[in-house]
Amino acid sequence: MAAGDLTTLANLEAWLDVASGNPDEALLSRLISVASARINGYLQRNIGTLSTSYTETRNGSGTGLMLAKVWPVTSFTSVTINGATVPKGASGSSGWYAPVWDGVSFPIPEPYVGLSAGWTAAFGAPGWGWGPGCWNGWFPVGIQNVVLVYTAGFAAVPTDIEQACIELASQAYQRRGTRLDLKSLTQAQQTTSYEMKMLPSVKEMLAPYRRVAPLVI
């Protein structure tokens, strides 16, 4: 199983009802990798990278929320603005806050971190005053002035995404030996159709995980 693959050779062979050790195993392994890459491209995210820690340096845009690049987010560790560590906000106090995923519930929360209003002069580096270098419920405009540290990703590939990968790889395998532009073939009064696009059932399984809005860097 190559890094980033969304299923195993054994699971694909079971779906195809072919024996382990068959002559096409190298081809099947390659089709798994191709299907995995195609799914990641369709979802606009890398599902094969399982739960790990990320450090992102971002541009402050003057908004109150910032989306993490990777999701689902299971924990936020720290938020730094202009070199100063922002405290984690508690009930009734200012700081950063973020909804995180418990690893089970659906739908998965949006992967954002926000800043609550309530700036005080006690926050920040010595000499800070009110101005563009401070925060009051928004990320101050700047270039690479915000650093987010968080943990994101699935502990294991979700079963519906794995099944989508299996069916996509199976689709490609069963189409082998035909011309790529051949949509159907009639032999002995029997017509076999070859679906060239991603199957609707595969799209349905992938739909809950697809990134549908652009990410502001």
N, C-alpha and C. Protein backbone atom coordinates (compact mmCIF):
# COMPACT_ATOMS: atom_id res chain seq x y z
N MET A 1 0.85 -1.19 0.00
CA MET A 1 0.00 0.00 0.00
C MET A 1 0.88 1.24 0.00
N ALA A 2 0.77 2.04 -1.04
CA ALA A 2 1.60 3.23 -1.16
C ALA A 2 1.08 4.34 -0.24
N ALA A 3 1.97 5.25 0.12
CA ALA A 3 1.58 6.38 0.96
C ALA A 3 0.48 7.18 0.28
N GLY A 4 -0.57 7.48 1.02
CA GLY A 4 -1.68 8.25 0.47
C GLY A 4 -2.77 7.43 -0.16
N ASP A 5 -2.58 6.12 -0.30
CA ASP A 5 -3.63 5.26 -0.86
C ASP A 5 -4.82 5.21 0.08
N LEU A 6 -6.01 5.17 -0.49
CA LEU A 6 -7.24 5.21 0.30
C LEU A 6 -7.85 3.84 0.53
N THR A 7 -7.26 2.81 0.00
CA THR A 7 -7.70 1.44 0.28
C THR A 7 -6.52 0.51 0.09
N THR A 8 -6.74 -0.77 0.37
CA THR A 8 -5.68 -1.77 0.26
C THR A 8 -5.91 -2.66 -0.95
N LEU A 9 -4.85 -3.29 -1.39
CA LEU A 9 -4.95 -4.24 -2.50
C LEU A 9 -5.90 -5.38 -2.14
N ALA A 10 -5.83 -5.87 -0.91
CA ALA A 10 -6.68 -6.98 -0.49
C ALA A 10 -8.16 -6.60 -0.58
N ASN A 11 -8.52 -5.38 -0.19
CA ASN A 11 -9.91 -4.96 -0.24
C ASN A 11 -10.41 -4.80 -1.67
N LEU A 12 -9.54 -4.30 -2.55
CA LEU A 12 -9.93 -4.19 -3.96
C LEU A 12 -10.09 -5.57 -4.58
N GLU A 13 -9.20 -6.49 -4.27
CA GLU A 13 -9.31 -7.86 -4.80
C GLU A 13 -10.59 -8.53 -4.31
N ALA A 14 -10.96 -8.28 -3.06
CA ALA A 14 -12.20 -8.86 -2.53
C ALA A 14 -13.41 -8.32 -3.28
N TRP A 15 -13.40 -7.01 -3.59
CA TRP A 15 -14.51 -6.41 -4.32
C TRP A 15 -14.61 -6.98 -5.74
N LEU A 16 -13.44 -7.18 -6.36
CA LEU A 16 -13.41 -7.71 -7.73
C LEU A 16 -13.59 -9.22 -7.78
N ASP A 17 -13.54 -9.86 -6.60
CA ASP A 17 -13.64 -11.32 -6.50
C ASP A 17 -12.53 -12.01 -7.29
N VAL A 18 -11.30 -11.51 -7.08
CA VAL A 18 -10.13 -12.14 -7.69
C VAL A 18 -9.21 -12.61 -6.56
N ALA A 19 -8.46 -13.66 -6.83
CA ALA A 19 -7.62 -14.26 -5.80
C ALA A 19 -6.37 -13.42 -5.54
N SER A 20 -5.92 -13.46 -4.30
CA SER A 20 -4.65 -12.82 -3.96
C SER A 20 -3.52 -13.52 -4.71
N GLY A 21 -2.55 -12.75 -5.16
CA GLY A 21 -1.44 -13.31 -5.91
C GLY A 21 -1.71 -13.41 -7.40
N ASN A 22 -2.81 -12.79 -7.86
CA ASN A 22 -3.14 -12.82 -9.30
C ASN A 22 -2.13 -12.00 -10.10
N PRO A 23 -2.00 -12.27 -11.40
CA PRO A 23 -0.98 -11.60 -12.23
C PRO A 23 -1.17 -10.09 -12.36
N ASP A 24 -2.36 -9.58 -12.03
CA ASP A 24 -2.63 -8.16 -12.22
C ASP A 24 -2.40 -7.32 -10.96
N GLU A 25 -1.75 -7.87 -9.95
CA GLU A 25 -1.63 -7.15 -8.68
C GLU A 25 -0.87 -5.83 -8.82
N ALA A 26 0.17 -5.81 -9.65
CA ALA A 26 0.90 -4.56 -9.84
C ALA A 26 0.00 -3.51 -10.47
N LEU A 27 -0.81 -3.93 -11.45
CA LEU A 27 -1.75 -3.01 -12.10
C LEU A 27 -2.79 -2.53 -11.10
N LEU A 28 -3.34 -3.42 -10.29
CA LEU A 28 -4.36 -3.06 -9.32
C LEU A 28 -3.81 -2.06 -8.30
N SER A 29 -2.58 -2.27 -7.87
CA SER A 29 -1.96 -1.35 -6.91
C SER A 29 -1.81 0.04 -7.52
N ARG A 30 -1.43 0.08 -8.80
CA ARG A 30 -1.28 1.38 -9.46
C ARG A 30 -2.64 2.06 -9.61
N LEU A 31 -3.68 1.29 -9.91
CA LEU A 31 -5.02 1.86 -10.07
C LEU A 31 -5.55 2.40 -8.74
N ILE A 32 -5.16 1.77 -7.64
CA ILE A 32 -5.55 2.30 -6.32
C ILE A 32 -4.92 3.67 -6.11
N SER A 33 -3.65 3.82 -6.44
CA SER A 33 -2.97 5.11 -6.28
C SER A 33 -3.58 6.17 -7.20
N VAL A 34 -3.91 5.77 -8.43
CA VAL A 34 -4.53 6.71 -9.38
C VAL A 34 -5.90 7.14 -8.88
N ALA A 35 -6.71 6.17 -8.42
CA ALA A 35 -8.04 6.49 -7.91
C ALA A 35 -7.96 7.37 -6.67
N SER A 36 -6.99 7.11 -5.80
CA SER A 36 -6.81 7.93 -4.60
C SER A 36 -6.48 9.37 -4.97
N ALA A 37 -5.57 9.55 -5.92
CA ALA A 37 -5.21 10.90 -6.36
C ALA A 37 -6.40 11.60 -7.00
N ARG A 38 -7.18 10.85 -7.76
CA ARG A 38 -8.35 11.44 -8.42
C ARG A 38 -9.38 11.90 -7.38
N ILE A 39 -9.57 11.10 -6.34
CA ILE A 39 -10.51 11.46 -5.28
C ILE A 39 -10.02 12.70 -4.53
N ASN A 40 -8.73 12.74 -4.21
CA ASN A 40 -8.20 13.92 -3.51
C ASN A 40 -8.38 15.18 -4.34
N GLY A 41 -8.20 15.06 -5.66
CA GLY A 41 -8.40 16.20 -6.54
C GLY A 41 -9.85 16.63 -6.58
N TYR A 42 -10.75 15.65 -6.60
CA TYR A 42 -12.19 15.95 -6.63
C TYR A 42 -12.63 16.61 -5.33
N LEU A 43 -12.08 16.15 -4.21
CA LEU A 43 -12.46 16.68 -2.90
C LEU A 43 -11.76 17.99 -2.57
N GLN A 44 -10.68 18.31 -3.29
CA GLN A 44 -9.86 19.48 -3.00
C GLN A 44 -9.22 19.39 -1.63
N ARG A 45 -8.80 18.19 -1.26
CA ARG A 45 -8.13 17.97 0.02
C ARG A 45 -7.46 16.61 -0.02
N ASN A 46 -6.50 16.40 0.87
CA ASN A 46 -5.75 15.15 0.89
C ASN A 46 -6.23 14.26 2.02
N ILE A 47 -7.13 13.34 1.71
CA ILE A 47 -7.68 12.45 2.72
C ILE A 47 -6.63 11.46 3.21
N GLY A 48 -5.70 11.07 2.32
CA GLY A 48 -4.72 10.04 2.67
C GLY A 48 -3.74 10.47 3.74
N THR A 49 -3.60 11.79 3.98
CA THR A 49 -2.74 12.26 5.06
C THR A 49 -3.56 12.22 6.35
N LEU A 50 -3.32 11.22 7.18
CA LEU A 50 -4.12 11.04 8.38
C LEU A 50 -3.69 12.00 9.48
N SER A 51 -4.34 11.92 10.62
CA SER A 51 -4.21 12.91 11.68
C SER A 51 -2.75 13.25 12.00
N THR A 52 -2.43 14.53 11.92
CA THR A 52 -1.07 14.99 12.22
C THR A 52 -1.13 16.47 12.58
N SER A 53 -0.01 17.01 13.05
CA SER A 53 0.05 18.41 13.46
C SER A 53 0.46 19.29 12.28
N TYR A 54 -0.16 20.46 12.20
CA TYR A 54 0.14 21.41 11.13
C TYR A 54 0.47 22.77 11.73
N THR A 55 1.42 23.46 11.09
CA THR A 55 1.73 24.84 11.44
C THR A 55 1.58 25.66 10.16
N GLU A 56 0.65 26.61 10.19
CA GLU A 56 0.39 27.43 9.01
C GLU A 56 0.73 28.88 9.31
N THR A 57 1.45 29.51 8.40
CA THR A 57 1.71 30.94 8.49
C THR A 57 0.84 31.62 7.44
N ARG A 58 -0.03 32.52 7.90
CA ARG A 58 -1.07 33.05 7.03
C ARG A 58 -1.06 34.58 7.01
N ASN A 59 -1.75 35.13 6.05
CA ASN A 59 -1.92 36.58 5.95
C ASN A 59 -3.16 37.01 6.72
N GLY A 60 -3.01 37.96 7.63
CA GLY A 60 -4.17 38.52 8.31
C GLY A 60 -4.97 39.35 7.33
N SER A 61 -6.31 39.17 7.34
CA SER A 61 -7.14 39.81 6.32
C SER A 61 -8.16 40.78 6.90
N GLY A 62 -8.09 41.05 8.20
CA GLY A 62 -9.03 41.98 8.79
C GLY A 62 -10.40 41.38 9.05
N THR A 63 -10.50 40.07 9.05
CA THR A 63 -11.76 39.40 9.34
C THR A 63 -11.68 38.72 10.70
N GLY A 64 -12.83 38.32 11.21
CA GLY A 64 -12.87 37.72 12.54
C GLY A 64 -12.65 36.22 12.56
N LEU A 65 -12.71 35.57 11.39
CA LEU A 65 -12.54 34.11 11.31
C LEU A 65 -11.46 33.77 10.30
N MET A 66 -10.77 32.66 10.53
CA MET A 66 -9.78 32.18 9.58
C MET A 66 -9.94 30.67 9.45
N LEU A 67 -10.09 30.19 8.20
CA LEU A 67 -10.25 28.77 7.94
C LEU A 67 -8.89 28.08 7.89
N ALA A 68 -8.80 26.94 8.56
CA ALA A 68 -7.59 26.12 8.44
C ALA A 68 -7.57 25.46 7.07
N LYS A 69 -6.39 25.18 6.57
CA LYS A 69 -6.28 24.57 5.24
C LYS A 69 -6.65 23.09 5.25
N VAL A 70 -6.47 22.43 6.39
CA VAL A 70 -6.71 20.99 6.48
C VAL A 70 -7.85 20.75 7.46
N TRP A 71 -8.70 19.78 7.16
CA TRP A 71 -9.79 19.44 8.06
C TRP A 71 -10.11 17.96 7.91
N PRO A 72 -10.78 17.35 8.85
CA PRO A 72 -11.36 17.91 10.06
C PRO A 72 -10.30 18.27 11.11
N VAL A 73 -10.52 19.39 11.79
CA VAL A 73 -9.63 19.83 12.87
C VAL A 73 -10.09 19.16 14.17
N THR A 74 -9.17 18.47 14.82
CA THR A 74 -9.52 17.79 16.08
C THR A 74 -9.01 18.56 17.29
N SER A 75 -8.06 19.47 17.10
CA SER A 75 -7.62 20.32 18.21
C SER A 75 -6.83 21.50 17.67
N PHE A 76 -6.99 22.66 18.30
CA PHE A 76 -6.15 23.82 18.03
C PHE A 76 -5.19 23.98 19.19
N THR A 77 -3.93 24.24 18.88
CA THR A 77 -2.90 24.36 19.90
C THR A 77 -2.59 25.81 20.25
N SER A 78 -2.38 26.64 19.22
CA SER A 78 -2.02 28.03 19.50
C SER A 78 -2.33 28.91 18.31
N VAL A 79 -2.47 30.20 18.61
CA VAL A 79 -2.65 31.25 17.61
C VAL A 79 -1.68 32.38 17.95
N THR A 80 -0.87 32.78 16.99
CA THR A 80 0.10 33.86 17.19
C THR A 80 -0.17 34.96 16.17
N ILE A 81 -0.20 36.20 16.63
CA ILE A 81 -0.42 37.34 15.74
C ILE A 81 0.71 38.33 15.94
N ASN A 82 1.38 38.67 14.86
CA ASN A 82 2.50 39.62 14.91
C ASN A 82 3.52 39.25 15.99
N GLY A 83 3.76 37.98 16.15
CA GLY A 83 4.77 37.49 17.08
C GLY A 83 4.31 37.34 18.51
N ALA A 84 3.08 37.74 18.81
CA ALA A 84 2.56 37.64 20.17
C ALA A 84 1.55 36.50 20.26
N THR A 85 1.63 35.71 21.32
CA THR A 85 0.73 34.59 21.50
C THR A 85 -0.63 35.07 22.00
N VAL A 86 -1.68 34.71 21.29
CA VAL A 86 -3.04 35.07 21.69
C VAL A 86 -3.53 34.03 22.70
N PRO A 87 -4.08 34.45 23.83
CA PRO A 87 -4.57 33.47 24.79
C PRO A 87 -5.81 32.77 24.27
N LYS A 88 -6.01 31.54 24.73
CA LYS A 88 -7.23 30.82 24.38
C LYS A 88 -8.37 31.42 25.18
N GLY A 89 -9.43 31.81 24.51
CA GLY A 89 -10.55 32.44 25.17
C GLY A 89 -11.33 31.47 26.03
N ALA A 90 -11.67 31.89 27.22
CA ALA A 90 -12.54 31.11 28.09
C ALA A 90 -13.88 31.83 28.15
N SER A 91 -14.84 31.23 28.84
CA SER A 91 -16.16 31.83 28.93
C SER A 91 -16.08 33.24 29.51
N GLY A 92 -16.55 34.22 28.75
CA GLY A 92 -16.58 35.59 29.22
C GLY A 92 -15.28 36.34 29.07
N SER A 93 -14.25 35.73 28.47
CA SER A 93 -12.97 36.41 28.29
C SER A 93 -12.59 36.43 26.82
N SER A 94 -11.67 37.33 26.46
CA SER A 94 -11.28 37.47 25.08
C SER A 94 -10.16 36.49 24.74
N GLY A 95 -10.00 36.24 23.45
CA GLY A 95 -8.96 35.33 22.98
C GLY A 95 -9.44 34.59 21.75
N TRP A 96 -8.78 33.47 21.43
CA TRP A 96 -9.19 32.71 20.26
C TRP A 96 -10.10 31.55 20.67
N TYR A 97 -10.93 31.13 19.74
CA TYR A 97 -11.84 30.00 19.97
C TYR A 97 -11.97 29.23 18.66
N ALA A 98 -12.30 27.97 18.75
CA ALA A 98 -12.42 27.15 17.55
C ALA A 98 -13.29 25.92 17.82
N PRO A 99 -14.24 25.64 16.93
CA PRO A 99 -14.98 24.38 17.04
C PRO A 99 -14.09 23.24 16.55
N VAL A 100 -14.06 22.12 17.24
CA VAL A 100 -13.25 20.99 16.82
C VAL A 100 -14.13 19.75 16.68
N TRP A 101 -13.64 18.81 15.90
CA TRP A 101 -14.40 17.59 15.63
C TRP A 101 -14.06 16.53 16.67
N ASP A 102 -15.10 15.82 17.14
CA ASP A 102 -14.87 14.79 18.15
C ASP A 102 -14.46 13.45 17.57
N GLY A 103 -14.33 13.39 16.23
CA GLY A 103 -13.91 12.16 15.58
C GLY A 103 -15.03 11.20 15.26
N VAL A 104 -16.26 11.55 15.65
CA VAL A 104 -17.39 10.64 15.46
C VAL A 104 -18.58 11.34 14.79
N SER A 105 -18.97 12.48 15.33
CA SER A 105 -20.22 13.12 14.93
C SER A 105 -20.15 13.70 13.52
N PHE A 106 -21.30 13.73 12.87
CA PHE A 106 -21.46 14.37 11.58
C PHE A 106 -22.67 15.29 11.65
N PRO A 107 -22.68 16.42 10.93
CA PRO A 107 -21.64 16.86 10.02
C PRO A 107 -20.39 17.35 10.77
N ILE A 108 -19.28 17.34 10.07
CA ILE A 108 -18.02 17.80 10.65
C ILE A 108 -18.03 19.33 10.74
N PRO A 109 -17.67 19.92 11.89
CA PRO A 109 -17.66 21.39 12.01
C PRO A 109 -16.69 22.03 11.02
N GLU A 110 -17.01 23.25 10.61
CA GLU A 110 -16.09 23.99 9.75
C GLU A 110 -14.78 24.22 10.49
N PRO A 111 -13.65 24.14 9.76
CA PRO A 111 -12.34 24.23 10.42
C PRO A 111 -11.85 25.66 10.61
N TYR A 112 -12.58 26.44 11.37
CA TYR A 112 -12.16 27.83 11.53
C TYR A 112 -11.70 28.11 12.96
N VAL A 113 -10.87 29.13 13.07
CA VAL A 113 -10.52 29.68 14.36
C VAL A 113 -10.97 31.14 14.35
N GLY A 114 -11.56 31.59 15.44
CA GLY A 114 -12.05 32.95 15.51
C GLY A 114 -11.45 33.70 16.68
N LEU A 115 -11.58 35.02 16.65
CA LEU A 115 -11.11 35.88 17.73
C LEU A 115 -12.30 36.57 18.35
N SER A 116 -12.42 36.49 19.66
CA SER A 116 -13.50 37.20 20.34
C SER A 116 -13.05 38.62 20.64
N ALA A 117 -14.01 39.54 20.66
CA ALA A 117 -13.70 40.93 20.96
C ALA A 117 -13.32 41.08 22.42
N GLY A 118 -12.63 42.16 22.74
CA GLY A 118 -12.27 42.41 24.13
C GLY A 118 -10.80 42.71 24.31
N TRP A 119 -10.20 43.43 23.36
CA TRP A 119 -8.78 43.77 23.45
C TRP A 119 -8.53 44.64 24.68
N THR A 120 -7.42 44.36 25.36
CA THR A 120 -6.98 45.22 26.46
C THR A 120 -5.52 45.55 26.26
N ALA A 121 -5.07 46.62 26.87
CA ALA A 121 -3.69 47.05 26.72
C ALA A 121 -2.72 46.04 27.30
N ALA A 122 -3.21 45.13 28.16
CA ALA A 122 -2.33 44.14 28.77
C ALA A 122 -1.89 43.08 27.78
N PHE A 123 -2.61 42.98 26.66
CA PHE A 123 -2.26 41.96 25.69
C PHE A 123 -1.16 42.45 24.75
N GLY A 124 -0.29 41.52 24.34
CA GLY A 124 0.67 41.82 23.30
C GLY A 124 2.03 42.19 23.86
N ALA A 125 2.90 42.50 22.94
CA ALA A 125 4.27 42.85 23.31
C ALA A 125 4.31 44.23 23.95
N PRO A 126 5.32 44.52 24.76
CA PRO A 126 5.43 45.84 25.40
C PRO A 126 5.41 46.95 24.34
N GLY A 127 4.72 48.00 24.66
CA GLY A 127 4.67 49.13 23.74
C GLY A 127 3.54 49.07 22.74
N TRP A 128 2.79 47.97 22.76
CA TRP A 128 1.67 47.89 21.83
C TRP A 128 0.59 48.88 22.25
N GLY A 129 -0.04 49.47 21.29
CA GLY A 129 -1.21 50.30 21.55
C GLY A 129 -2.30 49.94 20.57
N TRP A 130 -3.38 50.66 20.63
CA TRP A 130 -4.46 50.37 19.69
C TRP A 130 -4.01 50.73 18.28
N GLY A 131 -4.22 49.83 17.33
CA GLY A 131 -3.80 50.08 15.96
C GLY A 131 -3.77 48.80 15.16
N PRO A 132 -3.19 48.84 13.96
CA PRO A 132 -3.23 47.68 13.06
C PRO A 132 -2.45 46.48 13.57
N GLY A 133 -1.58 46.67 14.56
CA GLY A 133 -0.83 45.53 15.08
C GLY A 133 -1.55 44.79 16.18
N CYS A 134 -2.73 45.26 16.59
CA CYS A 134 -3.46 44.67 17.70
C CYS A 134 -4.71 43.98 17.19
N TRP A 135 -5.38 43.27 18.07
CA TRP A 135 -6.60 42.58 17.65
C TRP A 135 -7.75 42.97 18.57
N ASN A 136 -8.92 42.99 18.02
CA ASN A 136 -10.12 43.23 18.81
C ASN A 136 -11.28 42.49 18.12
N GLY A 137 -11.13 41.18 18.06
CA GLY A 137 -12.13 40.37 17.39
C GLY A 137 -11.86 40.18 15.91
N TRP A 138 -10.67 40.59 15.43
CA TRP A 138 -10.34 40.39 14.01
C TRP A 138 -8.84 40.15 13.86
N PHE A 139 -8.48 39.46 12.77
CA PHE A 139 -7.08 39.22 12.45
C PHE A 139 -6.54 40.45 11.72
N PRO A 140 -5.59 41.18 12.31
CA PRO A 140 -5.12 42.42 11.68
C PRO A 140 -4.49 42.15 10.32
N VAL A 141 -4.74 43.06 9.41
CA VAL A 141 -4.20 42.93 8.06
C VAL A 141 -2.68 42.90 8.10
N GLY A 142 -2.09 41.96 7.38
CA GLY A 142 -0.64 41.84 7.35
C GLY A 142 -0.21 40.71 6.45
N ILE A 143 1.07 40.67 6.17
CA ILE A 143 1.64 39.62 5.33
C ILE A 143 2.33 38.59 6.22
N GLN A 144 1.84 37.36 6.18
CA GLN A 144 2.43 36.26 6.95
C GLN A 144 2.55 36.62 8.43
N ASN A 145 1.55 37.26 8.98
CA ASN A 145 1.62 37.74 10.36
C ASN A 145 0.80 36.89 11.34
N VAL A 146 0.17 35.83 10.84
CA VAL A 146 -0.64 34.96 11.69
C VAL A 146 -0.11 33.53 11.59
N VAL A 147 0.09 32.90 12.73
CA VAL A 147 0.56 31.51 12.76
C VAL A 147 -0.47 30.66 13.51
N LEU A 148 -0.97 29.62 12.86
CA LEU A 148 -1.90 28.69 13.47
C LEU A 148 -1.22 27.35 13.66
N VAL A 149 -1.39 26.75 14.83
CA VAL A 149 -0.88 25.40 15.09
C VAL A 149 -2.06 24.55 15.52
N TYR A 150 -2.28 23.44 14.82
CA TYR A 150 -3.44 22.61 15.11
C TYR A 150 -3.21 21.18 14.63
N THR A 151 -4.07 20.28 15.07
CA THR A 151 -4.04 18.89 14.63
C THR A 151 -5.29 18.62 13.81
N ALA A 152 -5.10 17.98 12.65
CA ALA A 152 -6.24 17.73 11.76
C ALA A 152 -6.04 16.43 11.00
N GLY A 153 -7.14 15.92 10.48
CA GLY A 153 -7.11 14.70 9.68
C GLY A 153 -7.87 13.59 10.37
N PHE A 154 -8.21 12.58 9.58
CA PHE A 154 -8.91 11.42 10.12
C PHE A 154 -7.91 10.45 10.74
N ALA A 155 -8.35 9.74 11.78
CA ALA A 155 -7.50 8.71 12.38
C ALA A 155 -7.35 7.53 11.43
N ALA A 156 -8.36 7.29 10.60
CA ALA A 156 -8.33 6.26 9.57
C ALA A 156 -9.19 6.74 8.41
N VAL A 157 -8.95 6.22 7.22
CA VAL A 157 -9.74 6.61 6.06
C VAL A 157 -11.20 6.22 6.31
N PRO A 158 -12.15 7.16 6.21
CA PRO A 158 -13.56 6.83 6.39
C PRO A 158 -14.00 5.71 5.44
N THR A 159 -14.88 4.86 5.92
CA THR A 159 -15.27 3.68 5.13
C THR A 159 -15.94 4.05 3.82
N ASP A 160 -16.72 5.13 3.79
CA ASP A 160 -17.38 5.49 2.53
C ASP A 160 -16.38 6.03 1.51
N ILE A 161 -15.34 6.73 1.97
CA ILE A 161 -14.31 7.19 1.05
C ILE A 161 -13.50 6.00 0.53
N GLU A 162 -13.21 5.04 1.41
CA GLU A 162 -12.50 3.85 0.95
C GLU A 162 -13.32 3.10 -0.09
N GLN A 163 -14.62 2.96 0.15
CA GLN A 163 -15.47 2.27 -0.81
C GLN A 163 -15.51 3.01 -2.14
N ALA A 164 -15.53 4.33 -2.09
CA ALA A 164 -15.50 5.12 -3.32
C ALA A 164 -14.21 4.85 -4.10
N CYS A 165 -13.10 4.74 -3.39
CA CYS A 165 -11.82 4.45 -4.04
C CYS A 165 -11.84 3.05 -4.67
N ILE A 166 -12.40 2.09 -3.95
CA ILE A 166 -12.49 0.72 -4.46
C ILE A 166 -13.30 0.69 -5.75
N GLU A 167 -14.45 1.35 -5.75
CA GLU A 167 -15.31 1.32 -6.93
C GLU A 167 -14.70 2.09 -8.10
N LEU A 168 -13.97 3.17 -7.80
CA LEU A 168 -13.32 3.94 -8.87
C LEU A 168 -12.18 3.14 -9.49
N ALA A 169 -11.39 2.47 -8.66
CA ALA A 169 -10.31 1.64 -9.18
C ALA A 169 -10.87 0.45 -9.94
N SER A 170 -11.96 -0.14 -9.43
CA SER A 170 -12.60 -1.26 -10.10
C SER A 170 -13.14 -0.85 -11.46
N GLN A 171 -13.70 0.34 -11.54
CA GLN A 171 -14.22 0.86 -12.81
C GLN A 171 -13.11 0.94 -13.85
N ALA A 172 -11.95 1.46 -13.45
CA ALA A 172 -10.82 1.58 -14.37
C ALA A 172 -10.30 0.20 -14.77
N TYR A 173 -10.26 -0.72 -13.81
CA TYR A 173 -9.74 -2.07 -14.10
C TYR A 173 -10.64 -2.80 -15.09
N GLN A 174 -11.93 -2.69 -14.93
CA GLN A 174 -12.86 -3.39 -15.80
C GLN A 174 -12.93 -2.77 -17.19
N ARG A 175 -12.43 -1.54 -17.34
CA ARG A 175 -12.41 -0.87 -18.63
C ARG A 175 -11.11 -1.15 -19.38
N ARG A 176 -10.18 -1.84 -18.74
CA ARG A 176 -8.89 -2.09 -19.38
C ARG A 176 -9.08 -2.92 -20.64
N GLY A 177 -8.19 -2.72 -21.59
CA GLY A 177 -8.25 -3.49 -22.83
C GLY A 177 -9.19 -2.89 -23.86
N THR A 178 -9.97 -1.86 -23.47
CA THR A 178 -10.84 -1.19 -24.43
C THR A 178 -10.18 0.10 -24.86
N ARG A 179 -10.59 0.61 -26.01
CA ARG A 179 -10.12 1.93 -26.42
C ARG A 179 -10.67 2.97 -25.45
N LEU A 180 -9.86 3.95 -25.09
CA LEU A 180 -10.28 4.93 -24.11
C LEU A 180 -11.49 5.74 -24.57
N ASP A 181 -11.69 5.83 -25.90
CA ASP A 181 -12.83 6.59 -26.40
C ASP A 181 -14.03 5.69 -26.70
N LEU A 182 -13.94 4.40 -26.37
CA LEU A 182 -15.01 3.46 -26.63
C LEU A 182 -16.01 3.48 -25.48
N LYS A 183 -17.26 3.86 -25.77
CA LYS A 183 -18.28 3.95 -24.75
C LYS A 183 -19.12 2.69 -24.63
N SER A 184 -19.20 1.90 -25.69
CA SER A 184 -19.96 0.66 -25.63
C SER A 184 -19.45 -0.30 -26.70
N LEU A 185 -19.72 -1.57 -26.49
CA LEU A 185 -19.27 -2.61 -27.40
C LEU A 185 -20.37 -3.66 -27.51
N THR A 186 -20.75 -4.00 -28.76
CA THR A 186 -21.80 -4.99 -28.99
C THR A 186 -21.18 -6.25 -29.56
N GLN A 187 -21.38 -7.37 -28.89
CA GLN A 187 -20.90 -8.67 -29.33
C GLN A 187 -22.00 -9.69 -29.10
N ALA A 188 -22.29 -10.49 -30.13
CA ALA A 188 -23.31 -11.54 -30.02
C ALA A 188 -24.63 -10.98 -29.50
N GLN A 189 -25.02 -9.84 -30.07
CA GLN A 189 -26.27 -9.17 -29.71
C GLN A 189 -26.34 -8.72 -28.25
N GLN A 190 -25.18 -8.61 -27.60
CA GLN A 190 -25.12 -8.13 -26.24
C GLN A 190 -24.23 -6.89 -26.19
N THR A 191 -24.76 -5.81 -25.62
CA THR A 191 -24.03 -4.55 -25.57
C THR A 191 -23.47 -4.32 -24.16
N THR A 192 -22.18 -4.02 -24.09
CA THR A 192 -21.53 -3.67 -22.84
C THR A 192 -21.18 -2.19 -22.87
N SER A 193 -21.65 -1.44 -21.86
CA SER A 193 -21.37 -0.01 -21.80
C SER A 193 -20.20 0.25 -20.86
N TYR A 194 -19.36 1.22 -21.21
CA TYR A 194 -18.21 1.58 -20.39
C TYR A 194 -18.40 3.02 -19.91
N GLU A 195 -18.60 3.18 -18.60
CA GLU A 195 -18.78 4.51 -18.02
C GLU A 195 -17.43 5.19 -17.91
N MET A 196 -17.30 6.37 -18.53
CA MET A 196 -16.03 7.08 -18.55
C MET A 196 -15.90 8.06 -17.39
N LYS A 197 -17.02 8.58 -16.91
CA LYS A 197 -17.00 9.58 -15.86
C LYS A 197 -17.07 8.90 -14.49
N MET A 198 -16.83 9.70 -13.45
CA MET A 198 -16.97 9.20 -12.09
C MET A 198 -18.42 8.79 -11.86
N LEU A 199 -18.62 7.59 -11.36
CA LEU A 199 -19.96 7.07 -11.17
C LEU A 199 -20.76 7.92 -10.18
N PRO A 200 -22.06 8.09 -10.42
CA PRO A 200 -22.89 8.86 -9.48
C PRO A 200 -22.83 8.30 -8.06
N SER A 201 -22.75 6.99 -7.91
CA SER A 201 -22.68 6.40 -6.57
C SER A 201 -21.39 6.80 -5.87
N VAL A 202 -20.31 6.93 -6.62
CA VAL A 202 -19.03 7.36 -6.05
C VAL A 202 -19.12 8.83 -5.63
N LYS A 203 -19.68 9.67 -6.47
CA LYS A 203 -19.85 11.09 -6.13
C LYS A 203 -20.71 11.26 -4.88
N GLU A 204 -21.74 10.42 -4.76
CA GLU A 204 -22.62 10.51 -3.60
C GLU A 204 -21.87 10.18 -2.31
N MET A 205 -21.00 9.18 -2.37
CA MET A 205 -20.23 8.82 -1.19
C MET A 205 -19.22 9.92 -0.82
N LEU A 206 -18.72 10.61 -1.82
CA LEU A 206 -17.69 11.63 -1.58
C LEU A 206 -18.27 12.99 -1.21
N ALA A 207 -19.54 13.23 -1.53
CA ALA A 207 -20.14 14.56 -1.39
C ALA A 207 -19.96 15.18 -0.01
N PRO A 208 -20.13 14.44 1.12
CA PRO A 208 -20.01 15.09 2.43
C PRO A 208 -18.60 15.59 2.76
N TYR A 209 -17.60 15.14 2.00
CA TYR A 209 -16.21 15.47 2.32
C TYR A 209 -15.61 16.49 1.37
N ARG A 210 -16.38 16.93 0.39
CA ARG A 210 -15.82 17.79 -0.65
C ARG A 210 -15.74 19.24 -0.20
N ARG A 211 -14.60 19.87 -0.46
CA ARG A 211 -14.46 21.31 -0.20
C ARG A 211 -15.13 22.05 -1.34
N VAL A 212 -16.15 22.84 -1.02
CA VAL A 212 -16.93 23.49 -2.07
C VAL A 212 -16.71 24.99 -2.10
N ALA A 213 -16.00 25.54 -1.14
CA ALA A 213 -15.74 26.98 -1.12
C ALA A 213 -14.24 27.20 -1.22
N PRO A 214 -13.81 28.24 -1.94
CA PRO A 214 -12.37 28.53 -2.03
C PRO A 214 -11.80 28.93 -0.69
N LEU A 215 -10.54 28.58 -0.45
CA LEU A 215 -9.87 28.94 0.78
C LEU A 215 -9.07 30.22 0.59
N VAL A 216 -9.32 31.20 1.43
CA VAL A 216 -8.57 32.45 1.37
C VAL A 216 -7.25 32.26 2.10
N ILE A 217 -6.15 32.39 1.39
CA ILE A 217 -4.83 32.20 1.99
C ILE A 217 -4.45 33.42 2.80
